[in-house]
mmCIF file of all heavy atoms, coordinates in Angstrom:
data_MODEL
# 
_entry.id   MODEL 
# 
loop_
_atom_site.group_PDB 
_atom_site.id 
_atom_site.type_symbol 
_atom_site.label_atom_id 
_atom_site.label_alt_id 
_atom_site.label_comp_id 
_atom_site.label_asym_id 
_atom_site.label_entity_id 
_atom_site.label_seq_id 
_atom_site.pdbx_PDB_ins_code 
_atom_site.Cartn_x 
_atom_site.Cartn_y 
_atom_site.Cartn_z 
_atom_site.occupancy 
_atom_site.B_iso_or_equiv 
_atom_site.pdbx_formal_charge 
_atom_site.auth_seq_id 
_atom_site.auth_comp_id 
_atom_site.auth_asym_id 
_atom_site.auth_atom_id 
_atom_site.pdbx_PDB_model_num 
ATOM 1   N N   . ALA A 1 1  ? 109.325 -5.685 -37.235 1.00 0.00 ? 1  ALA A N   1 
ATOM 2   C CA  . ALA A 1 1  ? 108.759 -6.471 -38.283 1.00 0.00 ? 1  ALA A CA  1 
ATOM 3   C C   . ALA A 1 1  ? 108.068 -5.596 -39.204 1.00 0.00 ? 1  ALA A C   1 
ATOM 4   O O   . ALA A 1 1  ? 108.199 -5.822 -40.507 1.00 0.00 ? 1  ALA A O   1 
ATOM 5   C CB  . ALA A 1 1  ? 107.720 -7.479 -37.668 1.00 0.00 ? 1  ALA A CB  1 
ATOM 6   N N   . GLU A 1 2  ? 107.340 -4.571 -38.808 1.00 0.00 ? 2  GLU A N   1 
ATOM 7   C CA  . GLU A 1 2  ? 106.685 -3.660 -39.734 1.00 0.00 ? 2  GLU A CA  1 
ATOM 8   C C   . GLU A 1 2  ? 107.751 -2.818 -40.565 1.00 0.00 ? 2  GLU A C   1 
ATOM 9   O O   . GLU A 1 2  ? 107.549 -2.607 -41.745 1.00 0.00 ? 2  GLU A O   1 
ATOM 10  C CB  . GLU A 1 2  ? 105.770 -2.658 -39.010 1.00 0.00 ? 2  GLU A CB  1 
ATOM 11  C CG  . GLU A 1 2  ? 104.585 -3.362 -38.414 1.00 0.00 ? 2  GLU A CG  1 
ATOM 12  C CD  . GLU A 1 2  ? 103.642 -3.961 -39.448 1.00 0.00 ? 2  GLU A CD  1 
ATOM 13  O OE1 . GLU A 1 2  ? 103.495 -3.347 -40.601 1.00 0.00 ? 2  GLU A OE1 1 
ATOM 14  O OE2 . GLU A 1 2  ? 103.067 -5.059 -39.237 1.00 0.00 ? 2  GLU A OE2 1 
ATOM 15  N N   . ARG A 1 3  ? 108.808 -2.463 -39.905 1.00 0.00 ? 3  ARG A N   1 
ATOM 16  C CA  . ARG A 1 3  ? 109.883 -1.798 -40.661 1.00 0.00 ? 3  ARG A CA  1 
ATOM 17  C C   . ARG A 1 3  ? 110.463 -2.632 -41.759 1.00 0.00 ? 3  ARG A C   1 
ATOM 18  O O   . ARG A 1 3  ? 110.718 -2.180 -42.796 1.00 0.00 ? 3  ARG A O   1 
ATOM 19  C CB  . ARG A 1 3  ? 110.972 -1.366 -39.580 1.00 0.00 ? 3  ARG A CB  1 
ATOM 20  C CG  . ARG A 1 3  ? 112.174 -0.701 -40.261 1.00 0.00 ? 3  ARG A CG  1 
ATOM 21  C CD  . ARG A 1 3  ? 113.255 -0.361 -39.144 1.00 0.00 ? 3  ARG A CD  1 
ATOM 22  N NE  . ARG A 1 3  ? 114.457 0.270  -39.757 1.00 0.00 ? 3  ARG A NE  1 
ATOM 23  C CZ  . ARG A 1 3  ? 115.464 -0.384 -40.234 1.00 0.00 ? 3  ARG A CZ  1 
ATOM 24  N NH1 . ARG A 1 3  ? 115.437 -1.743 -40.215 1.00 0.00 ? 3  ARG A NH1 1 
ATOM 25  N NH2 . ARG A 1 3  ? 116.491 0.176  -40.772 1.00 0.00 ? 3  ARG A NH2 1 
ATOM 26  N N   . LYS A 1 4  ? 110.791 -3.901 -41.444 1.00 0.00 ? 4  LYS A N   1 
ATOM 27  C CA  . LYS A 1 4  ? 111.411 -4.797 -42.387 1.00 0.00 ? 4  LYS A CA  1 
ATOM 28  C C   . LYS A 1 4  ? 110.554 -5.054 -43.661 1.00 0.00 ? 4  LYS A C   1 
ATOM 29  O O   . LYS A 1 4  ? 111.043 -5.112 -44.772 1.00 0.00 ? 4  LYS A O   1 
ATOM 30  C CB  . LYS A 1 4  ? 111.795 -6.107 -41.737 1.00 0.00 ? 4  LYS A CB  1 
ATOM 31  C CG  . LYS A 1 4  ? 112.964 -6.001 -40.844 1.00 0.00 ? 4  LYS A CG  1 
ATOM 32  C CD  . LYS A 1 4  ? 113.284 -7.317 -40.158 1.00 0.00 ? 4  LYS A CD  1 
ATOM 33  C CE  . LYS A 1 4  ? 114.423 -7.182 -39.179 1.00 0.00 ? 4  LYS A CE  1 
ATOM 34  N NZ  . LYS A 1 4  ? 114.761 -8.456 -38.447 1.00 0.00 ? 4  LYS A NZ  1 
ATOM 35  N N   . LYS A 1 5  ? 109.266 -4.968 -43.476 1.00 0.00 ? 5  LYS A N   1 
ATOM 36  C CA  . LYS A 1 5  ? 108.315 -5.092 -44.573 1.00 0.00 ? 5  LYS A CA  1 
ATOM 37  C C   . LYS A 1 5  ? 108.578 -3.981 -45.598 1.00 0.00 ? 5  LYS A C   1 
ATOM 38  O O   . LYS A 1 5  ? 108.350 -4.197 -46.853 1.00 0.00 ? 5  LYS A O   1 
ATOM 39  C CB  . LYS A 1 5  ? 106.881 -4.983 -44.126 1.00 0.00 ? 5  LYS A CB  1 
ATOM 40  C CG  . LYS A 1 5  ? 106.319 -6.206 -43.363 1.00 0.00 ? 5  LYS A CG  1 
ATOM 41  C CD  . LYS A 1 5  ? 104.912 -5.974 -42.983 1.00 0.00 ? 5  LYS A CD  1 
ATOM 42  C CE  . LYS A 1 5  ? 104.275 -7.022 -42.150 1.00 0.00 ? 5  LYS A CE  1 
ATOM 43  N NZ  . LYS A 1 5  ? 102.877 -6.729 -41.709 1.00 0.00 ? 5  LYS A NZ  1 
ATOM 44  N N   . ARG A 1 6  ? 108.938 -2.838 -45.118 1.00 0.00 ? 6  ARG A N   1 
ATOM 45  C CA  . ARG A 1 6  ? 108.988 -1.683 -45.977 1.00 0.00 ? 6  ARG A CA  1 
ATOM 46  C C   . ARG A 1 6  ? 110.368 -1.332 -46.499 1.00 0.00 ? 6  ARG A C   1 
ATOM 47  O O   . ARG A 1 6  ? 110.541 -0.391 -47.266 1.00 0.00 ? 6  ARG A O   1 
ATOM 48  C CB  . ARG A 1 6  ? 108.458 -0.408 -45.207 1.00 0.00 ? 6  ARG A CB  1 
ATOM 49  C CG  . ARG A 1 6  ? 106.924 -0.639 -44.982 1.00 0.00 ? 6  ARG A CG  1 
ATOM 50  C CD  . ARG A 1 6  ? 106.397 0.282  -43.790 1.00 0.00 ? 6  ARG A CD  1 
ATOM 51  N NE  . ARG A 1 6  ? 104.969 0.171  -43.687 1.00 0.00 ? 6  ARG A NE  1 
ATOM 52  C CZ  . ARG A 1 6  ? 104.279 -0.819 -43.170 1.00 0.00 ? 6  ARG A CZ  1 
ATOM 53  N NH1 . ARG A 1 6  ? 104.939 -1.785 -42.563 1.00 0.00 ? 6  ARG A NH1 1 
ATOM 54  N NH2 . ARG A 1 6  ? 103.023 -0.766 -43.079 1.00 0.00 ? 6  ARG A NH2 1 
ATOM 55  N N   . LEU A 1 7  ? 111.395 -2.106 -46.102 1.00 0.00 ? 7  LEU A N   1 
ATOM 56  C CA  . LEU A 1 7  ? 112.742 -1.830 -46.582 1.00 0.00 ? 7  LEU A CA  1 
ATOM 57  C C   . LEU A 1 7  ? 112.895 -2.261 -48.095 1.00 0.00 ? 7  LEU A C   1 
ATOM 58  O O   . LEU A 1 7  ? 112.379 -3.296 -48.504 1.00 0.00 ? 7  LEU A O   1 
ATOM 59  C CB  . LEU A 1 7  ? 113.735 -2.607 -45.746 1.00 0.00 ? 7  LEU A CB  1 
ATOM 60  C CG  . LEU A 1 7  ? 113.960 -2.088 -44.378 1.00 0.00 ? 7  LEU A CG  1 
ATOM 61  C CD1 . LEU A 1 7  ? 114.930 -3.051 -43.586 1.00 0.00 ? 7  LEU A CD1 1 
ATOM 62  C CD2 . LEU A 1 7  ? 114.576 -0.669 -44.343 1.00 0.00 ? 7  LEU A CD2 1 
ATOM 63  N N   . ARG A 1 8  ? 113.507 -1.384 -48.818 1.00 0.00 ? 8  ARG A N   1 
ATOM 64  C CA  . ARG A 1 8  ? 113.680 -1.618 -50.285 1.00 0.00 ? 8  ARG A CA  1 
ATOM 65  C C   . ARG A 1 8  ? 115.144 -1.185 -50.593 1.00 0.00 ? 8  ARG A C   1 
ATOM 66  O O   . ARG A 1 8  ? 115.660 -0.235 -50.122 1.00 0.00 ? 8  ARG A O   1 
ATOM 67  C CB  . ARG A 1 8  ? 112.706 -0.777 -51.124 1.00 0.00 ? 8  ARG A CB  1 
ATOM 68  C CG  . ARG A 1 8  ? 111.295 -1.283 -51.018 1.00 0.00 ? 8  ARG A CG  1 
ATOM 69  C CD  . ARG A 1 8  ? 110.315 -0.383 -51.742 1.00 0.00 ? 8  ARG A CD  1 
ATOM 70  N NE  . ARG A 1 8  ? 110.790 -0.108 -53.123 1.00 0.00 ? 8  ARG A NE  1 
ATOM 71  C CZ  . ARG A 1 8  ? 109.966 0.319  -54.053 1.00 0.00 ? 8  ARG A CZ  1 
ATOM 72  N NH1 . ARG A 1 8  ? 108.660 0.480  -53.789 1.00 0.00 ? 8  ARG A NH1 1 
ATOM 73  N NH2 . ARG A 1 8  ? 110.357 0.565  -55.294 1.00 0.00 ? 8  ARG A NH2 1 
ATOM 74  N N   . PRO A 1 9  ? 115.844 -1.986 -51.502 1.00 0.00 ? 9  PRO A N   1 
ATOM 75  C CA  . PRO A 1 9  ? 117.150 -1.654 -51.883 1.00 0.00 ? 9  PRO A CA  1 
ATOM 76  C C   . PRO A 1 9  ? 117.320 -0.349 -52.624 1.00 0.00 ? 9  PRO A C   1 
ATOM 77  O O   . PRO A 1 9  ? 118.408 0.260  -52.621 1.00 0.00 ? 9  PRO A O   1 
ATOM 78  C CB  . PRO A 1 9  ? 117.588 -2.843 -52.766 1.00 0.00 ? 9  PRO A CB  1 
ATOM 79  C CG  . PRO A 1 9  ? 116.288 -3.404 -53.228 1.00 0.00 ? 9  PRO A CG  1 
ATOM 80  C CD  . PRO A 1 9  ? 115.313 -3.252 -52.184 1.00 0.00 ? 9  PRO A CD  1 
ATOM 81  N N   . ASP A 1 10 ? 116.183 0.078  -53.253 1.00 0.00 ? 10 ASP A N   1 
ATOM 82  C CA  . ASP A 1 10 ? 116.338 1.335  -54.125 1.00 0.00 ? 10 ASP A CA  1 
ATOM 83  C C   . ASP A 1 10 ? 116.126 2.608  -53.248 1.00 0.00 ? 10 ASP A C   1 
ATOM 84  O O   . ASP A 1 10 ? 116.355 3.730  -53.763 1.00 0.00 ? 10 ASP A O   1 
ATOM 85  C CB  . ASP A 1 10 ? 115.287 1.355  -55.230 1.00 0.00 ? 10 ASP A CB  1 
ATOM 86  C CG  . ASP A 1 10 ? 113.895 0.945  -54.798 1.00 0.00 ? 10 ASP A CG  1 
ATOM 87  O OD1 . ASP A 1 10 ? 113.719 0.678  -53.628 1.00 0.00 ? 10 ASP A OD1 1 
ATOM 88  O OD2 . ASP A 1 10 ? 113.018 1.043  -55.672 1.00 0.00 ? 10 ASP A OD2 1 
ATOM 89  N N   . GLY A 1 11 ? 115.751 2.517  -52.030 1.00 0.00 ? 11 GLY A N   1 
ATOM 90  C CA  . GLY A 1 11 ? 115.742 3.636  -51.064 1.00 0.00 ? 11 GLY A CA  1 
ATOM 91  C C   . GLY A 1 11 ? 114.992 4.827  -51.673 1.00 0.00 ? 11 GLY A C   1 
ATOM 92  O O   . GLY A 1 11 ? 113.882 4.700  -52.248 1.00 0.00 ? 11 GLY A O   1 
ATOM 93  N N   . PRO A 1 12 ? 115.631 6.004  -51.531 1.00 0.00 ? 12 PRO A N   1 
ATOM 94  C CA  . PRO A 1 12 ? 114.886 7.198  -52.065 1.00 0.00 ? 12 PRO A CA  1 
ATOM 95  C C   . PRO A 1 12 ? 114.648 7.174  -53.620 1.00 0.00 ? 12 PRO A C   1 
ATOM 96  O O   . PRO A 1 12 ? 113.839 7.976  -54.048 1.00 0.00 ? 12 PRO A O   1 
ATOM 97  C CB  . PRO A 1 12 ? 115.817 8.320  -51.725 1.00 0.00 ? 12 PRO A CB  1 
ATOM 98  C CG  . PRO A 1 12 ? 116.753 7.784  -50.571 1.00 0.00 ? 12 PRO A CG  1 
ATOM 99  C CD  . PRO A 1 12 ? 116.822 6.394  -50.881 1.00 0.00 ? 12 PRO A CD  1 
ATOM 100 N N   . THR A 1 13 ? 115.430 6.356  -54.305 1.00 0.00 ? 13 THR A N   1 
ATOM 101 C CA  . THR A 1 13 ? 115.263 6.421  -55.816 1.00 0.00 ? 13 THR A CA  1 
ATOM 102 C C   . THR A 1 13 ? 113.948 5.680  -56.175 1.00 0.00 ? 13 THR A C   1 
ATOM 103 O O   . THR A 1 13 ? 113.694 5.584  -57.418 1.00 0.00 ? 13 THR A O   1 
ATOM 104 C CB  . THR A 1 13 ? 116.461 5.703  -56.491 1.00 0.00 ? 13 THR A CB  1 
ATOM 105 O OG1 . THR A 1 13 ? 116.602 4.334  -56.066 1.00 0.00 ? 13 THR A OG1 1 
ATOM 106 C CG2 . THR A 1 13 ? 117.791 6.399  -56.109 1.00 0.00 ? 13 THR A CG2 1 
ATOM 107 N N   . GLN A 1 14 ? 113.262 5.114  -55.264 1.00 0.00 ? 14 GLN A N   1 
ATOM 108 C CA  . GLN A 1 14 ? 111.912 4.614  -55.628 1.00 0.00 ? 14 GLN A CA  1 
ATOM 109 C C   . GLN A 1 14 ? 110.938 5.639  -55.971 1.00 0.00 ? 14 GLN A C   1 
ATOM 110 O O   . GLN A 1 14 ? 109.805 5.379  -56.524 1.00 0.00 ? 14 GLN A O   1 
ATOM 111 C CB  . GLN A 1 14 ? 111.312 3.693  -54.495 1.00 0.00 ? 14 GLN A CB  1 
ATOM 112 C CG  . GLN A 1 14 ? 110.967 4.575  -53.269 1.00 0.00 ? 14 GLN A CG  1 
ATOM 113 C CD  . GLN A 1 14 ? 110.644 3.737  -52.101 1.00 0.00 ? 14 GLN A CD  1 
ATOM 114 O OE1 . GLN A 1 14 ? 109.440 3.396  -51.922 1.00 0.00 ? 14 GLN A OE1 1 
ATOM 115 N NE2 . GLN A 1 14 ? 111.589 3.386  -51.253 1.00 0.00 ? 14 GLN A NE2 1 
ATOM 116 N N   . TYR A 1 15 ? 111.306 6.961  -55.845 1.00 0.00 ? 15 TYR A N   1 
ATOM 117 C CA  . TYR A 1 15 ? 110.409 8.025  -56.171 1.00 0.00 ? 15 TYR A CA  1 
ATOM 118 C C   . TYR A 1 15 ? 111.103 8.869  -57.260 1.00 0.00 ? 15 TYR A C   1 
ATOM 119 O O   . TYR A 1 15 ? 112.307 8.859  -57.481 1.00 0.00 ? 15 TYR A O   1 
ATOM 120 C CB  . TYR A 1 15 ? 110.288 8.949  -55.016 1.00 0.00 ? 15 TYR A CB  1 
ATOM 121 C CG  . TYR A 1 15 ? 109.513 8.335  -53.785 1.00 0.00 ? 15 TYR A CG  1 
ATOM 122 C CD1 . TYR A 1 15 ? 110.095 7.745  -52.730 1.00 0.00 ? 15 TYR A CD1 1 
ATOM 123 C CD2 . TYR A 1 15 ? 108.162 8.296  -53.833 1.00 0.00 ? 15 TYR A CD2 1 
ATOM 124 C CE1 . TYR A 1 15 ? 109.476 7.238  -51.695 1.00 0.00 ? 15 TYR A CE1 1 
ATOM 125 C CE2 . TYR A 1 15 ? 107.381 7.750  -52.807 1.00 0.00 ? 15 TYR A CE2 1 
ATOM 126 C CZ  . TYR A 1 15 ? 108.062 7.172  -51.703 1.00 0.00 ? 15 TYR A CZ  1 
ATOM 127 O OH  . TYR A 1 15 ? 107.353 6.651  -50.652 1.00 0.00 ? 15 TYR A OH  1 
ATOM 128 N N   . VAL A 1 16 ? 110.275 9.598  -57.924 1.00 0.00 ? 16 VAL A N   1 
ATOM 129 C CA  . VAL A 1 16 ? 110.714 10.570 -58.934 1.00 0.00 ? 16 VAL A CA  1 
ATOM 130 C C   . VAL A 1 16 ? 110.019 11.923 -58.728 1.00 0.00 ? 16 VAL A C   1 
ATOM 131 O O   . VAL A 1 16 ? 108.914 11.965 -58.318 1.00 0.00 ? 16 VAL A O   1 
ATOM 132 C CB  . VAL A 1 16 ? 110.350 9.983  -60.375 1.00 0.00 ? 16 VAL A CB  1 
ATOM 133 C CG1 . VAL A 1 16 ? 108.811 9.900  -60.511 1.00 0.00 ? 16 VAL A CG1 1 
ATOM 134 C CG2 . VAL A 1 16 ? 110.823 10.975 -61.438 1.00 0.00 ? 16 VAL A CG2 1 
ATOM 135 N N   . ASP A 1 17 ? 110.839 12.973 -58.734 1.00 0.00 ? 17 ASP A N   1 
ATOM 136 C CA  . ASP A 1 17 ? 110.365 14.368 -58.634 1.00 0.00 ? 17 ASP A CA  1 
ATOM 137 C C   . ASP A 1 17 ? 109.523 14.733 -59.793 1.00 0.00 ? 17 ASP A C   1 
ATOM 138 O O   . ASP A 1 17 ? 109.786 14.433 -60.942 1.00 0.00 ? 17 ASP A O   1 
ATOM 139 C CB  . ASP A 1 17 ? 111.531 15.359 -58.441 1.00 0.00 ? 17 ASP A CB  1 
ATOM 140 C CG  . ASP A 1 17 ? 112.228 15.131 -57.066 1.00 0.00 ? 17 ASP A CG  1 
ATOM 141 O OD1 . ASP A 1 17 ? 111.698 14.380 -56.249 1.00 0.00 ? 17 ASP A OD1 1 
ATOM 142 O OD2 . ASP A 1 17 ? 113.198 15.781 -56.787 1.00 0.00 ? 17 ASP A OD2 1 
ATOM 143 N N   . LEU A 1 18 ? 108.456 15.382 -59.504 1.00 0.00 ? 18 LEU A N   1 
ATOM 144 C CA  . LEU A 1 18 ? 107.555 15.896 -60.567 1.00 0.00 ? 18 LEU A CA  1 
ATOM 145 C C   . LEU A 1 18 ? 108.221 17.132 -61.199 1.00 0.00 ? 18 LEU A C   1 
ATOM 146 O O   . LEU A 1 18 ? 108.757 18.005 -60.546 1.00 0.00 ? 18 LEU A O   1 
ATOM 147 C CB  . LEU A 1 18 ? 106.084 16.255 -60.010 1.00 0.00 ? 18 LEU A CB  1 
ATOM 148 C CG  . LEU A 1 18 ? 105.322 15.090 -59.444 1.00 0.00 ? 18 LEU A CG  1 
ATOM 149 C CD1 . LEU A 1 18 ? 104.000 15.592 -58.943 1.00 0.00 ? 18 LEU A CD1 1 
ATOM 150 C CD2 . LEU A 1 18 ? 105.172 14.034 -60.510 1.00 0.00 ? 18 LEU A CD2 1 
ATOM 151 N N   . THR A 1 19 ? 107.798 17.297 -62.427 1.00 0.00 ? 19 THR A N   1 
ATOM 152 C CA  . THR A 1 19 ? 108.085 18.590 -63.161 1.00 0.00 ? 19 THR A CA  1 
ATOM 153 C C   . THR A 1 19 ? 106.697 19.274 -63.354 1.00 0.00 ? 19 THR A C   1 
ATOM 154 O O   . THR A 1 19 ? 105.651 18.645 -63.552 1.00 0.00 ? 19 THR A O   1 
ATOM 155 C CB  . THR A 1 19 ? 108.731 18.412 -64.478 1.00 0.00 ? 19 THR A CB  1 
ATOM 156 O OG1 . THR A 1 19 ? 107.897 17.549 -65.278 1.00 0.00 ? 19 THR A OG1 1 
ATOM 157 C CG2 . THR A 1 19 ? 110.096 17.778 -64.344 1.00 0.00 ? 19 THR A CG2 1 
ATOM 158 N N   . ASP A 1 20 ? 106.765 20.580 -63.297 1.00 0.00 ? 20 ASP A N   1 
ATOM 159 C CA  . ASP A 1 20 ? 105.503 21.307 -63.360 1.00 0.00 ? 20 ASP A CA  1 
ATOM 160 C C   . ASP A 1 20 ? 104.877 21.428 -64.812 1.00 0.00 ? 20 ASP A C   1 
ATOM 161 O O   . ASP A 1 20 ? 105.620 21.736 -65.693 1.00 0.00 ? 20 ASP A O   1 
ATOM 162 C CB  . ASP A 1 20 ? 105.624 22.683 -62.748 1.00 0.00 ? 20 ASP A CB  1 
ATOM 163 C CG  . ASP A 1 20 ? 105.708 22.700 -61.242 1.00 0.00 ? 20 ASP A CG  1 
ATOM 164 O OD1 . ASP A 1 20 ? 104.960 21.976 -60.646 1.00 0.00 ? 20 ASP A OD1 1 
ATOM 165 O OD2 . ASP A 1 20 ? 106.528 23.497 -60.711 1.00 0.00 ? 20 ASP A OD2 1 
ATOM 166 N N   . ASP A 1 21 ? 103.683 21.207 -64.813 1.00 0.00 ? 21 ASP A N   1 
ATOM 167 C CA  . ASP A 1 21 ? 102.850 21.433 -66.032 1.00 0.00 ? 21 ASP A CA  1 
ATOM 168 C C   . ASP A 1 21 ? 102.572 22.908 -66.071 1.00 0.00 ? 21 ASP A C   1 
ATOM 169 O O   . ASP A 1 21 ? 101.870 23.407 -65.131 1.00 0.00 ? 21 ASP A O   1 
ATOM 170 C CB  . ASP A 1 21 ? 101.641 20.596 -66.025 1.00 0.00 ? 21 ASP A CB  1 
ATOM 171 C CG  . ASP A 1 21 ? 100.771 20.841 -67.279 1.00 0.00 ? 21 ASP A CG  1 
ATOM 172 O OD1 . ASP A 1 21 ? 101.126 21.770 -68.094 1.00 0.00 ? 21 ASP A OD1 1 
ATOM 173 O OD2 . ASP A 1 21 ? 99.750  20.146 -67.477 1.00 0.00 ? 21 ASP A OD2 1 
ATOM 174 N N   . PRO A 1 22 ? 103.022 23.717 -67.134 1.00 0.00 ? 22 PRO A N   1 
ATOM 175 C CA  . PRO A 1 22 ? 102.674 25.174 -67.115 1.00 0.00 ? 22 PRO A CA  1 
ATOM 176 C C   . PRO A 1 22 ? 101.232 25.464 -66.990 1.00 0.00 ? 22 PRO A C   1 
ATOM 177 O O   . PRO A 1 22 ? 100.977 26.497 -66.438 1.00 0.00 ? 22 PRO A O   1 
ATOM 178 C CB  . PRO A 1 22 ? 103.245 25.502 -68.468 1.00 0.00 ? 22 PRO A CB  1 
ATOM 179 C CG  . PRO A 1 22 ? 104.239 24.512 -68.857 1.00 0.00 ? 22 PRO A CG  1 
ATOM 180 C CD  . PRO A 1 22 ? 103.800 23.223 -68.282 1.00 0.00 ? 22 PRO A CD  1 
ATOM 181 N N   . ALA A 1 23 ? 100.402 24.565 -67.310 1.00 0.00 ? 23 ALA A N   1 
ATOM 182 C CA  . ALA A 1 23 ? 98.899  24.808 -67.255 1.00 0.00 ? 23 ALA A CA  1 
ATOM 183 C C   . ALA A 1 23 ? 98.555  25.019 -65.815 1.00 0.00 ? 23 ALA A C   1 
ATOM 184 O O   . ALA A 1 23 ? 97.606  25.623 -65.492 1.00 0.00 ? 23 ALA A O   1 
ATOM 185 C CB  . ALA A 1 23 ? 98.137  23.647 -67.929 1.00 0.00 ? 23 ALA A CB  1 
ATOM 186 N N   . TYR A 1 24 ? 99.314  24.396 -64.881 1.00 0.00 ? 24 TYR A N   1 
ATOM 187 C CA  . TYR A 1 24 ? 98.880  24.522 -63.495 1.00 0.00 ? 24 TYR A CA  1 
ATOM 188 C C   . TYR A 1 24 ? 99.042  25.906 -62.978 1.00 0.00 ? 24 TYR A C   1 
ATOM 189 O O   . TYR A 1 24 ? 98.245  26.391 -62.134 1.00 0.00 ? 24 TYR A O   1 
ATOM 190 C CB  . TYR A 1 24 ? 99.882  23.632 -62.585 1.00 0.00 ? 24 TYR A CB  1 
ATOM 191 C CG  . TYR A 1 24 ? 99.511  23.808 -61.155 1.00 0.00 ? 24 TYR A CG  1 
ATOM 192 C CD1 . TYR A 1 24 ? 98.397  23.195 -60.505 1.00 0.00 ? 24 TYR A CD1 1 
ATOM 193 C CD2 . TYR A 1 24 ? 100.248 24.645 -60.267 1.00 0.00 ? 24 TYR A CD2 1 
ATOM 194 C CE1 . TYR A 1 24 ? 98.042  23.355 -59.259 1.00 0.00 ? 24 TYR A CE1 1 
ATOM 195 C CE2 . TYR A 1 24 ? 99.948  24.862 -58.950 1.00 0.00 ? 24 TYR A CE2 1 
ATOM 196 C CZ  . TYR A 1 24 ? 98.905  24.172 -58.400 1.00 0.00 ? 24 TYR A CZ  1 
ATOM 197 O OH  . TYR A 1 24 ? 98.520  24.355 -57.094 1.00 0.00 ? 24 TYR A OH  1 
# 
């Protein structure tokens, strides 16, 4: 039941990779 709450059709694409701010 807990697993099903968290299933989403977009899978890994729900995230976006960060690009580095040169200031860091």
